[in-house]
Amino acid sequence: MAATPLFTCTCGVQKKTSNHWILAVTSAQDVKFMPWDAKLALEDHVIVLCGERCAAALLSRCLGDWKASEYAAVPAPVASAAASPQPAAAASAAA
């Protein structure tokens, strides 16, 4: 007798025969959604989703992660010495 795999969405719902499930693969640069394929769903890097709501939630998380990494990659502006105002003592000594 062959074992039947049990698929569970990230939200905890278990797959039944009538569900319209989606698969996803994410990386630091992209997210890819694919139609249901039971063999592909068994792979470790594939995320199993129960439907549009969970797919939209995954997309939203990816967008947030990308935005956060974009902000982290941008260095903070550094104030230059020429742009900073001179102290009052230095300004009076220069005059």
C-alpha atoms as a PDB file:
ATOM      1  CA  MET A   1       0.000   0.000   0.000  1.00  0.00           C
ATOM      2  CA  ALA A   2       1.471   3.375  -1.023  1.00  0.00           C
ATOM      3  CA  ALA A   3       1.559   6.267   1.408  1.00  0.00           C
ATOM      4  CA  THR A   4      -0.442   9.333   0.436  1.00  0.00           C
ATOM      5  CA  PRO A   5       1.320  12.594   1.300  1.00  0.00           C
ATOM      6  CA  LEU A   6      -0.565  15.139   3.373  1.00  0.00           C
ATOM      7  CA  PHE A   7      -0.191  18.725   2.149  1.00  0.00           C
ATOM      8  CA  THR A   8      -0.661  21.602   4.578  1.00  0.00           C
ATOM      9  CA  CYS A   9      -0.779  25.299   3.691  1.00  0.00           C
ATOM     10  CA  THR A  10       1.265  27.879   5.574  1.00  0.00           C
ATOM     11  CA  CYS A  11      -2.012  28.894   7.291  1.00  0.00           C
ATOM     12  CA  GLY A  12      -2.544  25.353   8.616  1.00  0.00           C
ATOM     13  CA  VAL A  13      -5.325  24.174   6.255  1.00  0.00           C
ATOM     14  CA  GLN A  14      -4.902  20.610   4.992  1.00  0.00           C
ATOM     15  CA  LYS A  15      -5.434  19.838   1.321  1.00  0.00           C
ATOM     16  CA  LYS A  16      -8.585  18.046   0.250  1.00  0.00           C
ATOM     17  CA  THR A  17      -9.450  16.775  -3.211  1.00  0.00           C
ATOM     18  CA  SER A  18     -11.661  19.735  -4.213  1.00  0.00           C
ATOM     19  CA  ASN A  19      -9.313  22.565  -3.188  1.00  0.00           C
ATOM     20  CA  HIS A  20      -7.672  24.864  -5.746  1.00  0.00           C
ATOM     21  CA  TRP A  21      -4.156  24.996  -4.383  1.00  0.00           C
ATOM     22  CA  ILE A  22      -1.146  26.998  -5.567  1.00  0.00           C
ATOM     23  CA  LEU A  23       2.589  26.439  -5.325  1.00  0.00           C
ATOM     24  CA  ALA A  24       5.213  29.148  -4.847  1.00  0.00           C
ATOM     25  CA  VAL A  25       8.976  29.472  -4.870  1.00  0.00           C
ATOM     26  CA  THR A  26      10.625  32.547  -3.371  1.00  0.00           C
ATOM     27  CA  SER A  27      14.115  34.014  -3.423  1.00  0.00           C
ATOM     28  CA  ALA A  28      15.681  37.297  -2.391  1.00  0.00           C
ATOM     29  CA  GLN A  29      14.799  38.799  -5.791  1.00  0.00           C
ATOM     30  CA  ASP A  30      11.508  37.205  -6.829  1.00  0.00           C
ATOM     31  CA  VAL A  31       8.470  35.089  -6.081  1.00  0.00           C
ATOM     32  CA  LYS A  32       7.031  32.616  -8.573  1.00  0.00           C
ATOM     33  CA  PHE A  33       3.530  31.139  -8.398  1.00  0.00           C
ATOM     34  CA  MET A  34       2.684  27.870 -10.145  1.00  0.00           C
ATOM     35  CA  PRO A  35      -0.424  25.735 -10.577  1.00  0.00           C
ATOM     36  CA  TRP A  36      -0.804  22.677  -8.376  1.00  0.00           C
ATOM     37  CA  ASP A  37       1.493  19.736  -9.103  1.00  0.00           C
ATOM     38  CA  ALA A  38       1.634  17.008  -6.443  1.00  0.00           C
ATOM     39  CA  LYS A  39       5.168  15.906  -7.372  1.00  0.00           C
ATOM     40  CA  LEU A  40       6.501  19.470  -7.304  1.00  0.00           C
ATOM     41  CA  ALA A  41       4.718  20.119  -3.982  1.00  0.00           C
ATOM     42  CA  LEU A  42       6.889  17.448  -2.340  1.00  0.00           C
ATOM     43  CA  GLU A  43      10.101  19.412  -2.987  1.00  0.00           C
ATOM     44  CA  ASP A  44      11.592  21.218   0.022  1.00  0.00           C
ATOM     45  CA  HIS A  45      11.974  24.638  -1.614  1.00  0.00           C
ATOM     46  CA  VAL A  46       8.334  24.784  -2.765  1.00  0.00           C
ATOM     47  CA  ILE A  47       5.747  26.583  -0.623  1.00  0.00           C
ATOM     48  CA  VAL A  48       2.259  25.037  -0.601  1.00  0.00           C
ATOM     49  CA  LEU A  49      -0.628  27.541  -0.527  1.00  0.00           C
ATOM     50  CA  CYS A  50      -4.353  26.800  -0.168  1.00  0.00           C
ATOM     51  CA  GLY A  51      -5.580  29.604  -2.421  1.00  0.00           C
ATOM     52  CA  GLU A  52      -5.541  33.242  -3.452  1.00  0.00           C
ATOM     53  CA  ARG A  53      -5.662  34.656   0.079  1.00  0.00           C
ATOM     54  CA  CYS A  54      -2.514  32.839   1.188  1.00  0.00           C
ATOM     55  CA  ALA A  55      -0.802  33.587  -2.151  1.00  0.00           C
ATOM     56  CA  ALA A  56      -1.582  37.301  -1.688  1.00  0.00           C
ATOM     57  CA  ALA A  57      -0.248  37.157   1.882  1.00  0.00           C
ATOM     58  CA  LEU A  58       2.989  35.561   0.652  1.00  0.00           C
ATOM     59  CA  LEU A  59       3.347  38.207  -2.060  1.00  0.00           C
ATOM     60  CA  SER A  60       2.778  40.944   0.525  1.00  0.00           C
ATOM     61  CA  ARG A  61       5.450  39.474   2.822  1.00  0.00           C
ATOM     62  CA  CYS A  62       7.923  39.284  -0.074  1.00  0.00           C
ATOM     63  CA  LEU A  63       7.234  42.893  -1.049  1.00  0.00           C
ATOM     64  CA  GLY A  64       7.814  43.976   2.554  1.00  0.00           C
ATOM     65  CA  ASP A  65      11.056  41.985   2.766  1.00  0.00           C
ATOM     66  CA  TRP A  66      12.315  43.506  -0.495  1.00  0.00           C
ATOM     67  CA  LYS A  67      11.448  47.021   0.676  1.00  0.00           C
ATOM     68  CA  ALA A  68      13.165  46.426   4.035  1.00  0.00           C
ATOM     69  CA  SER A  69      16.325  45.132   2.343  1.00  0.00           C
ATOM     70  CA  GLU A  70      16.242  48.112  -0.047  1.00  0.00           C
ATOM     71  CA  TYR A  71      16.216  50.518   2.906  1.00  0.00           C
ATOM     72  CA  ALA A  72      18.967  48.571   4.646  1.00  0.00           C
ATOM     73  CA  ALA A  73      21.157  48.693   1.512  1.00  0.00           C
ATOM     74  CA  VAL A  74      20.924  52.498   1.138  1.00  0.00           C
ATOM     75  CA  PRO A  75      23.640  54.178   3.238  1.00  0.00           C
ATOM     76  CA  ALA A  76      22.599  57.000   5.540  1.00  0.00           C
ATOM     77  CA  PRO A  77      23.515  60.458   4.238  1.00  0.00           C
ATOM     78  CA  VAL A  78      26.694  61.868   5.761  1.00  0.00           C
ATOM     79  CA  ALA A  79      26.843  65.596   6.483  1.00  0.00           C
ATOM     80  CA  SER A  80      29.923  67.142   4.871  1.00  0.00           C
ATOM     81  CA  ALA A  81      32.116  69.648   6.699  1.00  0.00           C
ATOM     82  CA  ALA A  82      31.436  72.337   4.066  1.00  0.00           C
ATOM     83  CA  ALA A  83      27.707  72.018   4.492  1.00  0.00           C
ATOM     84  CA  SER A  84      27.737  72.243   8.295  1.00  0.00           C
ATOM     85  CA  PRO A  85      27.479  75.706   9.868  1.00  0.00           C
ATOM     86  CA  GLN A  86      30.598  77.075  11.541  1.00  0.00           C
ATOM     87  CA  PRO A  87      30.540  77.561  15.284  1.00  0.00           C
ATOM     88  CA  ALA A  88      30.141  81.197  16.391  1.00  0.00           C
ATOM     89  CA  ALA A  89      33.693  81.351  17.824  1.00  0.00           C
ATOM     90  CA  ALA A  90      35.242  80.177  14.548  1.00  0.00           C
ATOM     91  CA  ALA A  91      33.133  82.616  12.535  1.00  0.00           C
ATOM     92  CA  SER A  92      34.232  85.597  14.690  1.00  0.00           C
ATOM     93  CA  ALA A  93      37.900  84.569  14.538  1.00  0.00           C
ATOM     94  CA  ALA A  94      37.736  84.427  10.742  1.00  0.00           C
ATOM     95  CA  ALA A  95      36.387  88.010  10.592  1.00  0.00           C
END
